[in-house]
Amino acid sequence: MQKVIVSGDWLLVDDPERGMMRGFVEGEPSRYATWIMIRVTEADDKRLVGRSIKVRMQHVTRNITDEIEFHEEGQILNLIDFSLITGDRDEFMRWTEKLRKIRKLEGGCA
């Protein structure tokens, strides 16, 4: 059974017209959506990076949310902000704990 795509998930997309791209889901897609809005973070077409675009669900090749490891404090702070915006308590707790661990390893304050 395929995992349901939700707001904040990281996706790989292979669009025949725009090429490969990676980004995260913006907004909460409906269960039967044929299109989804993503914020592009990497793409073959560099003009797409940083933009919100609509892609067909059939072009989503993989949900990579569980595969991504964030190690930089700035990245994690952005994810904490995003979880606050979307009201996702579980993700907020996950990223806050990750930030504590990183700061502890770096000898900073937790």
PDB file of N, CA and C in Angstrom:
ATOM      1  N   MET A   1       0.842  -1.185   0.000  1.00  0.00           N
ATOM      2  CA  MET A   1       0.000   0.000   0.000  1.00  0.00           C
ATOM      3  C   MET A   1       0.887   1.249   0.000  1.00  0.00           C
ATOM      4  N   GLN A   2       0.583   2.185  -0.869  1.00  0.00           N
ATOM      5  CA  GLN A   2       1.366   3.397  -0.991  1.00  0.00           C
ATOM      6  C   GLN A   2       1.014   4.389   0.121  1.00  0.00           C
ATOM      7  N   LYS A   3       2.041   5.048   0.657  1.00  0.00           N
ATOM      8  CA  LYS A   3       1.844   6.031   1.715  1.00  0.00           C
ATOM      9  C   LYS A   3       1.071   7.234   1.171  1.00  0.00           C
ATOM     10  N   VAL A   4       0.148   7.725   1.949  1.00  0.00           N
ATOM     11  CA  VAL A   4      -0.620   8.908   1.572  1.00  0.00           C
ATOM     12  C   VAL A   4       0.313  10.118   1.625  1.00  0.00           C
ATOM     13  N   ILE A   5       0.238  10.965   0.623  1.00  0.00           N
ATOM     14  CA  ILE A   5       1.064  12.171   0.568  1.00  0.00           C
ATOM     15  C   ILE A   5       0.363  13.272   1.350  1.00  0.00           C
ATOM     16  N   VAL A   6       1.120  13.898   2.255  1.00  0.00           N
ATOM     17  CA  VAL A   6       0.577  14.968   3.083  1.00  0.00           C
ATOM     18  C   VAL A   6       1.462  16.204   2.999  1.00  0.00           C
ATOM     19  N   SER A   7       0.958  17.305   3.509  1.00  0.00           N
ATOM     20  CA  SER A   7       1.690  18.561   3.538  1.00  0.00           C
ATOM     21  C   SER A   7       3.041  18.365   4.215  1.00  0.00           C
ATOM     22  N   GLY A   8       4.097  18.873   3.582  1.00  0.00           N
ATOM     23  CA  GLY A   8       5.434  18.781   4.141  1.00  0.00           C
ATOM     24  C   GLY A   8       6.238  17.590   3.662  1.00  0.00           C
ATOM     25  N   ASP A   9       5.587  16.612   3.011  1.00  0.00           N
ATOM     26  CA  ASP A   9       6.324  15.469   2.480  1.00  0.00           C
ATOM     27  C   ASP A   9       7.292  15.918   1.389  1.00  0.00           C
ATOM     28  N   TRP A  10       8.436  15.255   1.312  1.00  0.00           N
ATOM     29  CA  TRP A  10       9.443  15.517   0.282  1.00  0.00           C
ATOM     30  C   TRP A  10       9.240  14.511  -0.838  1.00  0.00           C
ATOM     31  N   LEU A  11       9.208  15.016  -2.080  1.00  0.00           N
ATOM     32  CA  LEU A  11       8.915  14.174  -3.234  1.00  0.00           C
ATOM     33  C   LEU A  11       9.972  14.314  -4.320  1.00  0.00           C
ATOM     34  N   LEU A  12      10.166  13.226  -5.065  1.00  0.00           N
ATOM     35  CA  LEU A  12      10.900  13.272  -6.319  1.00  0.00           C
ATOM     36  C   LEU A  12       9.854  13.265  -7.419  1.00  0.00           C
ATOM     37  N   VAL A  13      10.020  14.148  -8.382  1.00  0.00           N
ATOM     38  CA  VAL A  13       9.057  14.279  -9.474  1.00  0.00           C
ATOM     39  C   VAL A  13       9.812  14.191 -10.793  1.00  0.00           C
ATOM     40  N   ASP A  14       9.279  13.410 -11.738  1.00  0.00           N
ATOM     41  CA  ASP A  14       9.851  13.315 -13.077  1.00  0.00           C
ATOM     42  C   ASP A  14       8.794  13.794 -14.057  1.00  0.00           C
ATOM     43  N   ASP A  15       8.832  15.091 -14.343  1.00  0.00           N
ATOM     44  CA  ASP A  15       7.871  15.718 -15.242  1.00  0.00           C
ATOM     45  C   ASP A  15       8.443  15.676 -16.656  1.00  0.00           C
ATOM     46  N   PRO A  16       7.705  15.112 -17.619  1.00  0.00           N
ATOM     47  CA  PRO A  16       8.240  14.994 -18.973  1.00  0.00           C
ATOM     48  C   PRO A  16       8.576  16.349 -19.626  1.00  0.00           C
ATOM     49  N   GLU A  17       7.919  17.407 -19.207  1.00  0.00           N
ATOM     50  CA  GLU A  17       8.168  18.721 -19.800  1.00  0.00           C
ATOM     51  C   GLU A  17       9.196  19.547 -19.028  1.00  0.00           C
ATOM     52  N   ARG A  18       9.293  19.324 -17.696  1.00  0.00           N
ATOM     53  CA  ARG A  18      10.176  20.151 -16.864  1.00  0.00           C
ATOM     54  C   ARG A  18      11.346  19.383 -16.262  1.00  0.00           C
ATOM     55  N   GLY A  19      11.397  18.092 -16.477  1.00  0.00           N
ATOM     56  CA  GLY A  19      12.516  17.282 -15.998  1.00  0.00           C
ATOM     57  C   GLY A  19      12.361  16.843 -14.554  1.00  0.00           C
ATOM     58  N   MET A  20      13.470  16.359 -13.996  1.00  0.00           N
ATOM     59  CA  MET A  20      13.488  15.879 -12.614  1.00  0.00           C
ATOM     60  C   MET A  20      13.517  17.053 -11.650  1.00  0.00           C
ATOM     61  N   MET A  21      12.836  16.865 -10.520  1.00  0.00           N
ATOM     62  CA  MET A  21      12.853  17.895  -9.484  1.00  0.00           C
ATOM     63  C   MET A  21      12.574  17.247  -8.135  1.00  0.00           C
ATOM     64  N   ARG A  22      12.997  17.967  -7.103  1.00  0.00           N
ATOM     65  CA  ARG A  22      12.738  17.547  -5.730  1.00  0.00           C
ATOM     66  C   ARG A  22      12.149  18.743  -5.010  1.00  0.00           C
ATOM     67  N   GLY A  23      11.193  18.471  -4.143  1.00  0.00           N
ATOM     68  CA  GLY A  23      10.571  19.547  -3.383  1.00  0.00           C
ATOM     69  C   GLY A  23       9.635  18.985  -2.335  1.00  0.00           C
ATOM     70  N   PHE A  24       9.013  19.914  -1.610  1.00  0.00           N
ATOM     71  CA  PHE A  24       8.090  19.469  -0.569  1.00  0.00           C
ATOM     72  C   PHE A  24       6.687  19.955  -0.868  1.00  0.00           C
ATOM     73  N   VAL A  25       5.718  19.189  -0.379  1.00  0.00           N
ATOM     74  CA  VAL A  25       4.299  19.453  -0.623  1.00  0.00           C
ATOM     75  C   VAL A  25       3.864  20.680   0.166  1.00  0.00           C
ATOM     76  N   GLU A  26       3.199  21.575  -0.512  1.00  0.00           N
ATOM     77  CA  GLU A  26       2.612  22.753   0.142  1.00  0.00           C
ATOM     78  C   GLU A  26       1.102  22.560   0.196  1.00  0.00           C
ATOM     79  N   GLY A  27       0.522  22.899   1.313  1.00  0.00           N
ATOM     80  CA  GLY A  27      -0.922  22.724   1.468  1.00  0.00           C
ATOM     81  C   GLY A  27      -1.252  21.267   1.707  1.00  0.00           C
ATOM     82  N   GLU A  28      -2.479  20.989   1.954  1.00  0.00           N
ATOM     83  CA  GLU A  28      -2.931  19.633   2.242  1.00  0.00           C
ATOM     84  C   GLU A  28      -3.669  19.095   1.021  1.00  0.00           C
ATOM     85  N   PRO A  29      -3.046  18.142   0.293  1.00  0.00           N
ATOM     86  CA  PRO A  29      -3.719  17.615  -0.897  1.00  0.00           C
ATOM     87  C   PRO A  29      -4.925  16.765  -0.522  1.00  0.00           C
ATOM     88  N   SER A  30      -5.911  16.763  -1.399  1.00  0.00           N
ATOM     89  CA  SER A  30      -7.068  15.901  -1.143  1.00  0.00           C
ATOM     90  C   SER A  30      -6.677  14.456  -1.455  1.00  0.00           C
ATOM     91  N   ARG A  31      -7.410  13.556  -0.885  1.00  0.00           N
ATOM     92  CA  ARG A  31      -7.114  12.130  -1.059  1.00  0.00           C
ATOM     93  C   ARG A  31      -7.159  11.698  -2.526  1.00  0.00           C
ATOM     94  N   TYR A  32      -7.999  12.344  -3.310  1.00  0.00           N
ATOM     95  CA  TYR A  32      -8.188  11.949  -4.704  1.00  0.00           C
ATOM     96  C   TYR A  32      -7.611  12.971  -5.676  1.00  0.00           C
ATOM     97  N   ALA A  33      -6.657  13.749  -5.202  1.00  0.00           N
ATOM     98  CA  ALA A  33      -6.070  14.804  -6.035  1.00  0.00           C
ATOM     99  C   ALA A  33      -5.324  14.204  -7.228  1.00  0.00           C
ATOM    100  N   THR A  34      -5.428  14.867  -8.376  1.00  0.00           N
ATOM    101  CA  THR A  34      -4.639  14.482  -9.546  1.00  0.00           C
ATOM    102  C   THR A  34      -3.457  15.432  -9.717  1.00  0.00           C
ATOM    103  N   TRP A  35      -3.527  16.582  -9.032  1.00  0.00           N
ATOM    104  CA  TRP A  35      -2.448  17.571  -9.040  1.00  0.00           C
ATOM    105  C   TRP A  35      -2.041  17.845  -7.602  1.00  0.00           C
ATOM    106  N   ILE A  36      -0.797  18.299  -7.436  1.00  0.00           N
ATOM    107  CA  ILE A  36      -0.303  18.621  -6.100  1.00  0.00           C
ATOM    108  C   ILE A  36       0.634  19.822  -6.225  1.00  0.00           C
ATOM    109  N   MET A  37       0.616  20.700  -5.226  1.00  0.00           N
ATOM    110  CA  MET A  37       1.508  21.864  -5.208  1.00  0.00           C
ATOM    111  C   MET A  37       2.773  21.506  -4.445  1.00  0.00           C
ATOM    112  N   ILE A  38       3.933  21.747  -5.084  1.00  0.00           N
ATOM    113  CA  ILE A  38       5.192  21.528  -4.386  1.00  0.00           C
ATOM    114  C   ILE A  38       6.046  22.792  -4.460  1.00  0.00           C
ATOM    115  N   ARG A  39       6.880  22.975  -3.450  1.00  0.00           N
ATOM    116  CA  ARG A  39       7.911  24.025  -3.454  1.00  0.00           C
ATOM    117  C   ARG A  39       9.190  23.330  -3.901  1.00  0.00           C
ATOM    118  N   VAL A  40       9.719  23.739  -5.036  1.00  0.00           N
ATOM    119  CA  VAL A  40      10.880  23.089  -5.641  1.00  0.00           C
ATOM    120  C   VAL A  40      12.164  23.544  -4.943  1.00  0.00           C
ATOM    121  N   THR A  41      12.974  22.564  -4.531  1.00  0.00           N
ATOM    122  CA  THR A  41      14.253  22.869  -3.886  1.00  0.00           C
ATOM    123  C   THR A  41      15.443  22.504  -4.773  1.00  0.00           C
ATOM    124  N   GLU A  42      15.257  21.551  -5.686  1.00  0.00           N
ATOM    125  CA  GLU A  42      16.273  21.164  -6.656  1.00  0.00           C
ATOM    126  C   GLU A  42      15.557  20.781  -7.942  1.00  0.00           C
ATOM    127  N   ALA A  43      16.173  21.126  -9.087  1.00  0.00           N
ATOM    128  CA  ALA A  43      15.526  20.788 -10.350  1.00  0.00           C
ATOM    129  C   ALA A  43      16.529  20.833 -11.493  1.00  0.00           C
ATOM    130  N   ASP A  44      16.245  20.041 -12.533  1.00  0.00           N
ATOM    131  CA  ASP A  44      17.034  20.126 -13.758  1.00  0.00           C
ATOM    132  C   ASP A  44      16.936  21.534 -14.332  1.00  0.00           C
ATOM    133  N   ASP A  45      15.738  22.087 -14.315  1.00  0.00           N
ATOM    134  CA  ASP A  45      15.501  23.460 -14.776  1.00  0.00           C
ATOM    135  C   ASP A  45      15.663  24.384 -13.572  1.00  0.00           C
ATOM    136  N   LYS A  46      16.808  25.019 -13.476  1.00  0.00           N
ATOM    137  CA  LYS A  46      17.162  25.850 -12.311  1.00  0.00           C
ATOM    138  C   LYS A  46      16.175  26.999 -12.086  1.00  0.00           C
ATOM    139  N   ARG A  47      15.434  27.396 -13.112  1.00  0.00           N
ATOM    140  CA  ARG A  47      14.452  28.479 -12.953  1.00  0.00           C
ATOM    141  C   ARG A  47      13.299  28.088 -12.032  1.00  0.00           C
ATOM    142  N   LEU A  48      13.106  26.792 -11.828  1.00  0.00           N
ATOM    143  CA  LEU A  48      12.009  26.315 -10.979  1.00  0.00           C
ATOM    144  C   LEU A  48      12.354  26.342  -9.490  1.00  0.00           C
ATOM    145  N   VAL A  49      13.651  26.356  -9.167  1.00  0.00           N
ATOM    146  CA  VAL A  49      14.086  26.284  -7.765  1.00  0.00           C
ATOM    147  C   VAL A  49      13.560  27.489  -6.989  1.00  0.00           C
ATOM    148  N   GLY A  50      12.913  27.207  -5.856  1.00  0.00           N
ATOM    149  CA  GLY A  50      12.352  28.245  -5.008  1.00  0.00           C
ATOM    150  C   GLY A  50      10.917  28.610  -5.341  1.00  0.00           C
ATOM    151  N   ARG A  51      10.404  28.092  -6.426  1.00  0.00           N
ATOM    152  CA  ARG A  51       9.036  28.395  -6.844  1.00  0.00           C
ATOM    153  C   ARG A  51       8.066  27.317  -6.388  1.00  0.00           C
ATOM    154  N   SER A  52       6.818  27.706  -6.222  1.00  0.00           N
ATOM    155  CA  SER A  52       5.738  26.757  -5.977  1.00  0.00           C
ATOM    156  C   SER A  52       5.122  26.435  -7.327  1.00  0.00           C
ATOM    157  N   ILE A  53       5.041  25.149  -7.629  1.00  0.00           N
ATOM    158  CA  ILE A  53       4.470  24.747  -8.906  1.00  0.00           C
ATOM    159  C   ILE A  53       3.485  23.596  -8.696  1.00  0.00           C
ATOM    160  N   LYS A  54       2.600  23.457  -9.659  1.00  0.00           N
ATOM    161  CA  LYS A  54       1.611  22.388  -9.639  1.00  0.00           C
ATOM    162  C   LYS A  54       2.147  21.254 -10.517  1.00  0.00           C
ATOM    163  N   VAL A  55       2.157  20.028  -9.966  1.00  0.00           N
ATOM    164  CA  VAL A  55       2.606  18.861 -10.735  1.00  0.00           C
ATOM    165  C   VAL A  55       1.535  17.774 -10.675  1.00  0.00           C
ATOM    166  N   ARG A  56       1.522  16.966 -11.701  1.00  0.00           N
ATOM    167  CA  ARG A  56       0.575  15.841 -11.731  1.00  0.00           C
ATOM    168  C   ARG A  56       1.040  14.746 -10.772  1.00  0.00           C
ATOM    169  N   MET A  57       0.098  14.168 -10.060  1.00  0.00           N
ATOM    170  CA  MET A  57       0.417  13.087  -9.131  1.00  0.00           C
ATOM    171  C   MET A  57       1.091  11.922  -9.857  1.00  0.00           C
ATOM    172  N   GLN A  58       0.715  11.682 -11.097  1.00  0.00           N
ATOM    173  CA  GLN A  58       1.293  10.566 -11.843  1.00  0.00           C
ATOM    174  C   GLN A  58       2.781  10.761 -12.124  1.00  0.00           C
ATOM    175  N   HIS A  59       3.274  12.009 -11.991  1.00  0.00           N
ATOM    176  CA  HIS A  59       4.690  12.285 -12.217  1.00  0.00           C
ATOM    177  C   HIS A  59       5.525  12.186 -10.944  1.00  0.00           C
ATOM    178  N   VAL A  60       4.859  11.994  -9.803  1.00  0.00           N
ATOM    179  CA  VAL A  60       5.585  11.796  -8.550  1.00  0.00           C
ATOM    180  C   VAL A  60       6.170  10.393  -8.591  1.00  0.00           C
ATOM    181  N   THR A  61       7.507  10.325  -8.567  1.00  0.00           N
ATOM    182  CA  THR A  61       8.150   9.014  -8.673  1.00  0.00           C
ATOM    183  C   THR A  61       8.378   8.378  -7.311  1.00  0.00           C
ATOM    184  N   ARG A  62       8.584   9.214  -6.283  1.00  0.00           N
ATOM    185  CA  ARG A  62       8.857   8.635  -4.965  1.00  0.00           C
ATOM    186  C   ARG A  62       8.672   9.664  -3.867  1.00  0.00           C
ATOM    187  N   ASN A  63       8.128   9.209  -2.752  1.00  0.00           N
ATOM    188  CA  ASN A  63       8.051  10.019  -1.543  1.00  0.00           C
ATOM    189  C   ASN A  63       9.342   9.741  -0.782  1.00  0.00           C
ATOM    190  N   ILE A  64      10.203  10.767  -0.621  1.00  0.00           N
ATOM    191  CA  ILE A  64      11.519  10.565  -0.010  1.00  0.00           C
ATOM    192  C   ILE A  64      11.601  11.147   1.398  1.00  0.00           C
ATOM    193  N   THR A  65      10.467  11.451   1.987  1.00  0.00           N
ATOM    194  CA  THR A  65      10.438  12.064   3.315  1.00  0.00           C
ATOM    195  C   THR A  65      11.270  11.295   4.323  1.00  0.00           C
ATOM    196  N   ASP A  66      11.121   9.987   4.371  1.00  0.00           N
ATOM    197  CA  ASP A  66      11.829   9.179   5.362  1.00  0.00           C
ATOM    198  C   ASP A  66      13.296   8.938   5.012  1.00  0.00           C
ATOM    199  N   GLU A  67      13.699   9.284   3.779  1.00  0.00           N
ATOM    200  CA  GLU A  67      15.070   9.043   3.340  1.00  0.00           C
ATOM    201  C   GLU A  67      15.994  10.240   3.580  1.00  0.00           C
ATOM    202  N   ILE A  68      15.425  11.408   3.791  1.00  0.00           N
ATOM    203  CA  ILE A  68      16.225  12.621   3.895  1.00  0.00           C
ATOM    204  C   ILE A  68      16.766  12.777   5.307  1.00  0.00           C
ATOM    205  N   GLU A  69      18.034  13.066   5.396  1.00  0.00           N
ATOM    206  CA  GLU A  69      18.676  13.363   6.675  1.00  0.00           C
ATOM    207  C   GLU A  69      19.089  14.824   6.664  1.00  0.00           C
ATOM    208  N   PHE A  70      18.634  15.565   7.618  1.00  0.00           N
ATOM    209  CA  PHE A  70      19.022  16.961   7.743  1.00  0.00           C
ATOM    210  C   PHE A  70      20.046  17.074   8.854  1.00  0.00           C
ATOM    211  N   HIS A  71      21.156  17.741   8.571  1.00  0.00           N
ATOM    212  CA  HIS A  71      22.234  17.845   9.542  1.00  0.00           C
ATOM    213  C   HIS A  71      22.556  19.285   9.913  1.00  0.00           C
ATOM    214  N   GLU A  72      22.150  20.222   9.093  1.00  0.00           N
ATOM    215  CA  GLU A  72      22.480  21.620   9.356  1.00  0.00           C
ATOM    216  C   GLU A  72      21.379  22.266  10.188  1.00  0.00           C
ATOM    217  N   GLU A  73      21.803  23.050  11.159  1.00  0.00           N
ATOM    218  CA  GLU A  73      20.866  23.694  12.070  1.00  0.00           C
ATOM    219  C   GLU A  73      19.851  24.555  11.317  1.00  0.00           C
ATOM    220  N   GLY A  74      20.311  25.298  10.309  1.00  0.00           N
ATOM    221  CA  GLY A  74      19.408  26.166   9.549  1.00  0.00           C
ATOM    222  C   GLY A  74      18.300  25.400   8.855  1.00  0.00           C
ATOM    223  N   GLN A  75      18.632  24.236   8.293  1.00  0.00           N
ATOM    224  CA  GLN A  75      17.622  23.402   7.637  1.00  0.00           C
ATOM    225  C   GLN A  75      16.572  22.942   8.645  1.00  0.00           C
ATOM    226  N   ILE A  76      17.050  22.531   9.804  1.00  0.00           N
ATOM    227  CA  ILE A  76      16.133  22.020  10.817  1.00  0.00           C
ATOM    228  C   ILE A  76      15.261  23.141  11.373  1.00  0.00           C
ATOM    229  N   LEU A  77      15.831  24.324  11.558  1.00  0.00           N
ATOM    230  CA  LEU A  77      15.024  25.461  12.010  1.00  0.00           C
ATOM    231  C   LEU A  77      13.918  25.773  11.007  1.00  0.00           C
ATOM    232  N   ASN A  78      14.213  25.669   9.714  1.00  0.00           N
ATOM    233  CA  ASN A  78      13.186  25.882   8.690  1.00  0.00           C
ATOM    234  C   ASN A  78      12.082  24.834   8.784  1.00  0.00           C
ATOM    235  N   LEU A  79      12.464  23.588   9.045  1.00  0.00           N
ATOM    236  CA  LEU A  79      11.467  22.527   9.179  1.00  0.00           C
ATOM    237  C   LEU A  79      10.617  22.715  10.433  1.00  0.00           C
ATOM    238  N   ILE A  80      11.225  23.220  11.502  1.00  0.00           N
ATOM    239  CA  ILE A  80      10.460  23.528  12.717  1.00  0.00           C
ATOM    240  C   ILE A  80       9.448  24.627  12.414  1.00  0.00           C
ATOM    241  N   ASP A  81       9.887  25.672  11.715  1.00  0.00           N
ATOM    242  CA  ASP A  81       8.971  26.745  11.319  1.00  0.00           C
ATOM    243  C   ASP A  81       7.823  26.204  10.479  1.00  0.00           C
ATOM    244  N   PHE A  82       8.155  25.345   9.514  1.00  0.00           N
ATOM    245  CA  PHE A  82       7.129  24.791   8.640  1.00  0.00           C
ATOM    246  C   PHE A  82       6.127  23.964   9.436  1.00  0.00           C
ATOM    247  N   SER A  83       6.612  23.193  10.410  1.00  0.00           N
ATOM    248  CA  SER A  83       5.693  22.379  11.208  1.00  0.00           C
ATOM    249  C   SER A  83       4.779  23.262  12.066  1.00  0.00           C
ATOM    250  N   LEU A  84       5.299  24.396  12.510  1.00  0.00           N
ATOM    251  CA  LEU A  84       4.456  25.340  13.260  1.00  0.00           C
ATOM    252  C   LEU A  84       3.381  25.945  12.358  1.00  0.00           C
ATOM    253  N   ILE A  85       3.777  26.300  11.142  1.00  0.00           N
ATOM    254  CA  ILE A  85       2.827  26.894  10.182  1.00  0.00           C
ATOM    255  C   ILE A  85       1.713  25.906   9.853  1.00  0.00           C
ATOM    256  N   THR A  86       2.087  24.639   9.658  1.00  0.00           N
ATOM    257  CA  THR A  86       1.087  23.632   9.282  1.00  0.00           C
ATOM    258  C   THR A  86       0.373  23.022  10.483  1.00  0.00           C
ATOM    259  N   GLY A  87       0.853  23.353  11.692  1.00  0.00           N
ATOM    260  CA  GLY A  87       0.210  22.829  12.894  1.00  0.00           C
ATOM    261  C   GLY A  87       0.467  21.350  13.129  1.00  0.00           C
ATOM    262  N   ASP A  88       1.586  20.844  12.606  1.00  0.00           N
ATOM    263  CA  ASP A  88       1.910  19.423  12.733  1.00  0.00           C
ATOM    264  C   ASP A  88       2.763  19.204  13.980  1.00  0.00           C
ATOM    265  N   ARG A  89       2.107  18.831  15.076  1.00  0.00           N
ATOM    266  CA  ARG A  89       2.795  18.678  16.362  1.00  0.00           C
ATOM    267  C   ARG A  89       3.856  17.584  16.327  1.00  0.00           C
ATOM    268  N   ASP A  90       3.547  16.460  15.674  1.00  0.00           N
ATOM    269  CA  ASP A  90       4.502  15.351  15.618  1.00  0.00           C
ATOM    270  C   ASP A  90       5.792  15.766  14.909  1.00  0.00           C
ATOM    271  N   GLU A  91       5.650  16.451  13.793  1.00  0.00           N
ATOM    272  CA  GLU A  91       6.837  16.915  13.062  1.00  0.00           C
ATOM    273  C   GLU A  91       7.590  17.964  13.869  1.00  0.00           C
ATOM    274  N   PHE A  92       6.869  18.833  14.557  1.00  0.00           N
ATOM    275  CA  PHE A  92       7.516  19.828  15.411  1.00  0.00           C
ATOM    276  C   PHE A  92       8.379  19.140  16.469  1.00  0.00           C
ATOM    277  N   MET A  93       7.816  18.141  17.115  1.00  0.00           N
ATOM    278  CA  MET A  93       8.558  17.419  18.157  1.00  0.00           C
ATOM    279  C   MET A  93       9.757  16.679  17.560  1.00  0.00           C
ATOM    280  N   ARG A  94       9.553  16.071  16.396  1.00  0.00           N
ATOM    281  CA  ARG A  94      10.638  15.337  15.724  1.00  0.00           C
ATOM    282  C   ARG A  94      11.821  16.256  15.431  1.00  0.00           C
ATOM    283  N   TRP A  95      11.556  17.417  14.816  1.00  0.00           N
ATOM    284  CA  TRP A  95      12.643  18.321  14.417  1.00  0.00           C
ATOM    285  C   TRP A  95      13.248  19.050  15.610  1.00  0.00           C
ATOM    286  N   THR A  96      12.448  19.336  16.622  1.00  0.00           N
ATOM    287  CA  THR A  96      12.983  19.973  17.826  1.00  0.00           C
ATOM    288  C   THR A  96      13.954  19.034  18.528  1.00  0.00           C
ATOM    289  N   GLU A  97      13.604  17.763  18.605  1.00  0.00           N
ATOM    290  CA  GLU A  97      14.502  16.771  19.212  1.00  0.00           C
ATOM    291  C   GLU A  97      15.782  16.627  18.387  1.00  0.00           C
ATOM    292  N   LYS A  98      15.658  16.610  17.072  1.00  0.00           N
ATOM    293  CA  LYS A  98      16.837  16.528  16.197  1.00  0.00           C
ATOM    294  C   LYS A  98      17.746  17.736  16.421  1.00  0.00           C
ATOM    295  N   LEU A  99      17.166  18.914  16.565  1.00  0.00           N
ATOM    296  CA  LEU A  99      17.940  20.130  16.802  1.00  0.00           C
ATOM    297  C   LEU A  99      18.674  20.044  18.146  1.00  0.00           C
ATOM    298  N   ARG A 100      17.998  19.552  19.165  1.00  0.00           N
ATOM    299  CA  ARG A 100      18.638  19.381  20.483  1.00  0.00           C
ATOM    300  C   ARG A 100      19.860  18.465  20.385  1.00  0.00           C
ATOM    301  N   LYS A 101      19.708  17.365  19.669  1.00  0.00           N
ATOM    302  CA  LYS A 101      20.807  16.404  19.514  1.00  0.00           C
ATOM    303  C   LYS A 101      21.985  17.038  18.776  1.00  0.00           C
ATOM    304  N   ILE A 102      21.704  17.778  17.727  1.00  0.00           N
ATOM    305  CA  ILE A 102      22.778  18.428  16.965  1.00  0.00           C
ATOM    306  C   ILE A 102      23.507  19.440  17.830  1.00  0.00           C
ATOM    307  N   ARG A 103      22.748  20.250  18.548  1.00  0.00           N
ATOM    308  CA  ARG A 103      23.377  21.255  19.403  1.00  0.00           C
ATOM    309  C   ARG A 103      24.192  20.609  20.512  1.00  0.00           C
ATOM    310  N   LYS A 104      23.710  19.492  21.028  1.00  0.00           N
ATOM    311  CA  LYS A 104      24.447  18.794  22.078  1.00  0.00           C
ATOM    312  C   LYS A 104      25.764  18.241  21.526  1.00  0.00           C
ATOM    313  N   LEU A 105      25.721  17.668  20.312  1.00  0.00           N
ATOM    314  CA  LEU A 105      26.930  17.139  19.674  1.00  0.00           C
ATOM    315  C   LEU A 105      27.943  18.235  19.377  1.00  0.00           C
ATOM    316  N   GLU A 106      27.445  19.419  19.048  1.00  0.00           N
ATOM    317  CA  GLU A 106      28.329  20.538  18.721  1.00  0.00           C
ATOM    318  C   GLU A 106      28.816  21.260  19.958  1.00  0.00           C
ATOM    319  N   GLY A 107      28.347  20.821  21.122  1.00  0.00           N
ATOM    320  CA  GLY A 107      28.787  21.432  22.369  1.00  0.00           C
ATOM    321  C   GLY A 107      28.064  22.720  22.698  1.00  0.00           C
ATOM    322  N   GLY A 108      26.993  23.005  21.968  1.00  0.00           N
ATOM    323  CA  GLY A 108      26.206  24.213  22.257  1.00  0.00           C
ATOM    324  C   GLY A 108      25.140  23.942  23.284  1.00  0.00           C
ATOM    325  N   CYS A 109      24.306  24.929  23.501  1.00  0.00           N
ATOM    326  CA  CYS A 109      23.211  24.750  24.445  1.00  0.00           C
ATOM    327  C   CYS A 109      22.043  24.088  23.752  1.00  0.00           C
ATOM    328  N   ALA A 110      21.350  23.235  24.438  1.00  0.00           N
ATOM    329  CA  ALA A 110      20.229  22.505  23.850  1.00  0.00           C
ATOM    330  C   ALA A 110      18.975  23.232  23.974  1.00  0.00           C
TER     331      ALA A 110
END
